[in-house]
Amino acid sequence: CQAKMHQYQIVGRAAPTPKNPVPKIYRMRLFAKNTVLAKSRFWYFMKKLNKAKKSGGELLAVNELFDKGPTKVNNYGIWLRY
């Protein structure tokens, strides 16, 4: 029994502060088994990319993306960690 991977689009940013009242908004397309893991991956990459943590940030949107043509082959880039 293997869980299906879903594609999610997550939009978030660092929380507004007096120093930076309008922080930059980031959008990521991630593969994960469910929304909880997708959000976790989003914050993992945000922490690495621009020092924004979950405690000092906010999610603006979480959407699941579906294939327009599921029978058509698509090319994806893969980010490997080791």
C-alpha atoms as a PDB file:
ATOM      1  CA  CYS A   1       0.000   0.000   0.000  1.00  0.00           C
ATOM      2  CA  GLN A   2       1.809   3.077  -1.243  1.00  0.00           C
ATOM      3  CA  ALA A   3       0.530   6.589  -0.538  1.00  0.00           C
ATOM      4  CA  LYS A   4      -0.030   8.846  -3.540  1.00  0.00           C
ATOM      5  CA  MET A   5       2.000  12.026  -3.891  1.00  0.00           C
ATOM      6  CA  HIS A   6       0.022  15.207  -4.452  1.00  0.00           C
ATOM      7  CA  GLN A   7       1.214  18.520  -5.802  1.00  0.00           C
ATOM      8  CA  TYR A   8       0.541  21.601  -3.695  1.00  0.00           C
ATOM      9  CA  GLN A   9       0.936  25.315  -4.255  1.00  0.00           C
ATOM     10  CA  ILE A  10       1.729  27.130  -1.032  1.00  0.00           C
ATOM     11  CA  VAL A  11       1.879  30.906  -0.689  1.00  0.00           C
ATOM     12  CA  GLY A  12       3.366  32.457   2.429  1.00  0.00           C
ATOM     13  CA  ARG A  13       5.554  35.187   3.847  1.00  0.00           C
ATOM     14  CA  ALA A  14       7.340  36.336   6.966  1.00  0.00           C
ATOM     15  CA  ALA A  15       4.995  38.055   9.407  1.00  0.00           C
ATOM     16  CA  PRO A  16       4.758  41.852   9.050  1.00  0.00           C
ATOM     17  CA  THR A  17       6.909  43.727  11.570  1.00  0.00           C
ATOM     18  CA  PRO A  18       7.465  47.439  12.287  1.00  0.00           C
ATOM     19  CA  LYS A  19      10.856  47.101  10.565  1.00  0.00           C
ATOM     20  CA  ASN A  20       9.351  45.365   7.501  1.00  0.00           C
ATOM     21  CA  PRO A  21       5.590  46.117   7.296  1.00  0.00           C
ATOM     22  CA  VAL A  22       5.147  44.556   3.823  1.00  0.00           C
ATOM     23  CA  PRO A  23       7.325  41.416   3.546  1.00  0.00           C
ATOM     24  CA  LYS A  24       7.948  39.701   0.222  1.00  0.00           C
ATOM     25  CA  ILE A  25       5.464  36.934  -0.668  1.00  0.00           C
ATOM     26  CA  TYR A  26       6.800  33.533  -1.753  1.00  0.00           C
ATOM     27  CA  ARG A  27       5.019  30.842  -3.752  1.00  0.00           C
ATOM     28  CA  MET A  28       6.239  27.249  -3.939  1.00  0.00           C
ATOM     29  CA  ARG A  29       4.991  24.212  -5.774  1.00  0.00           C
ATOM     30  CA  LEU A  30       5.771  21.122  -3.724  1.00  0.00           C
ATOM     31  CA  PHE A  31       5.087  17.404  -3.860  1.00  0.00           C
ATOM     32  CA  ALA A  32       3.876  15.826  -0.621  1.00  0.00           C
ATOM     33  CA  LYS A  33       1.566  13.089   0.619  1.00  0.00           C
ATOM     34  CA  ASN A  34      -0.809  15.518   2.379  1.00  0.00           C
ATOM     35  CA  THR A  35      -1.293  19.203   3.202  1.00  0.00           C
ATOM     36  CA  VAL A  36       0.379  18.940   6.612  1.00  0.00           C
ATOM     37  CA  LEU A  37       3.598  17.608   5.078  1.00  0.00           C
ATOM     38  CA  ALA A  38       3.415  20.171   2.256  1.00  0.00           C
ATOM     39  CA  LYS A  39       3.230  23.042   4.772  1.00  0.00           C
ATOM     40  CA  SER A  40       6.117  21.536   6.697  1.00  0.00           C
ATOM     41  CA  ARG A  41       8.249  21.348   3.535  1.00  0.00           C
ATOM     42  CA  PHE A  42       7.353  24.970   2.718  1.00  0.00           C
ATOM     43  CA  TRP A  43       8.672  26.184   6.076  1.00  0.00           C
ATOM     44  CA  TYR A  44      11.727  23.934   5.756  1.00  0.00           C
ATOM     45  CA  PHE A  45      12.684  25.627   2.481  1.00  0.00           C
ATOM     46  CA  MET A  46      11.739  29.113   3.721  1.00  0.00           C
ATOM     47  CA  LYS A  47      14.084  28.643   6.678  1.00  0.00           C
ATOM     48  CA  LYS A  48      16.916  27.683   4.303  1.00  0.00           C
ATOM     49  CA  LEU A  49      16.215  30.345   1.660  1.00  0.00           C
ATOM     50  CA  ASN A  50      15.501  33.498   3.639  1.00  0.00           C
ATOM     51  CA  LYS A  51      15.540  32.881   7.399  1.00  0.00           C
ATOM     52  CA  ALA A  52      11.748  32.955   7.794  1.00  0.00           C
ATOM     53  CA  LYS A  53      10.461  30.468  10.356  1.00  0.00           C
ATOM     54  CA  LYS A  54       6.949  29.158  10.944  1.00  0.00           C
ATOM     55  CA  SER A  55       6.735  31.011  14.275  1.00  0.00           C
ATOM     56  CA  GLY A  56       7.550  34.312  12.535  1.00  0.00           C
ATOM     57  CA  GLY A  57       5.556  33.796   9.370  1.00  0.00           C
ATOM     58  CA  GLU A  58       2.128  33.220   7.913  1.00  0.00           C
ATOM     59  CA  LEU A  59       0.594  31.106   5.184  1.00  0.00           C
ATOM     60  CA  LEU A  60      -1.618  32.983   2.749  1.00  0.00           C
ATOM     61  CA  ALA A  61      -2.884  30.043   0.665  1.00  0.00           C
ATOM     62  CA  VAL A  62      -2.583  26.270   0.348  1.00  0.00           C
ATOM     63  CA  ASN A  63      -3.988  24.752  -2.843  1.00  0.00           C
ATOM     64  CA  GLU A  64      -3.749  21.272  -4.289  1.00  0.00           C
ATOM     65  CA  LEU A  65      -2.815  21.319  -7.974  1.00  0.00           C
ATOM     66  CA  PHE A  66      -4.292  18.729 -10.331  1.00  0.00           C
ATOM     67  CA  ASP A  67      -2.953  17.639 -13.708  1.00  0.00           C
ATOM     68  CA  LYS A  68      -4.669  19.223 -16.696  1.00  0.00           C
ATOM     69  CA  GLY A  69      -3.728  16.206 -18.821  1.00  0.00           C
ATOM     70  CA  PRO A  70      -3.001  13.194 -16.595  1.00  0.00           C
ATOM     71  CA  THR A  71      -2.143  11.003 -19.587  1.00  0.00           C
ATOM     72  CA  LYS A  72       0.447  13.482 -20.944  1.00  0.00           C
ATOM     73  CA  VAL A  73       4.076  13.187 -19.830  1.00  0.00           C
ATOM     74  CA  ASN A  74       5.530  16.194 -17.974  1.00  0.00           C
ATOM     75  CA  ASN A  75       9.113  17.014 -17.076  1.00  0.00           C
ATOM     76  CA  TYR A  76       9.920  17.981 -13.494  1.00  0.00           C
ATOM     77  CA  GLY A  77      13.101  19.146 -11.810  1.00  0.00           C
ATOM     78  CA  ILE A  78      14.035  17.183  -8.724  1.00  0.00           C
ATOM     79  CA  TRP A  79      15.995  18.558  -5.795  1.00  0.00           C
ATOM     80  CA  LEU A  80      17.986  15.744  -4.183  1.00  0.00           C
ATOM     81  CA  ARG A  81      19.418  15.944  -0.695  1.00  0.00           C
ATOM     82  CA  TYR A  82      22.043  13.568   0.635  1.00  0.00           C
END
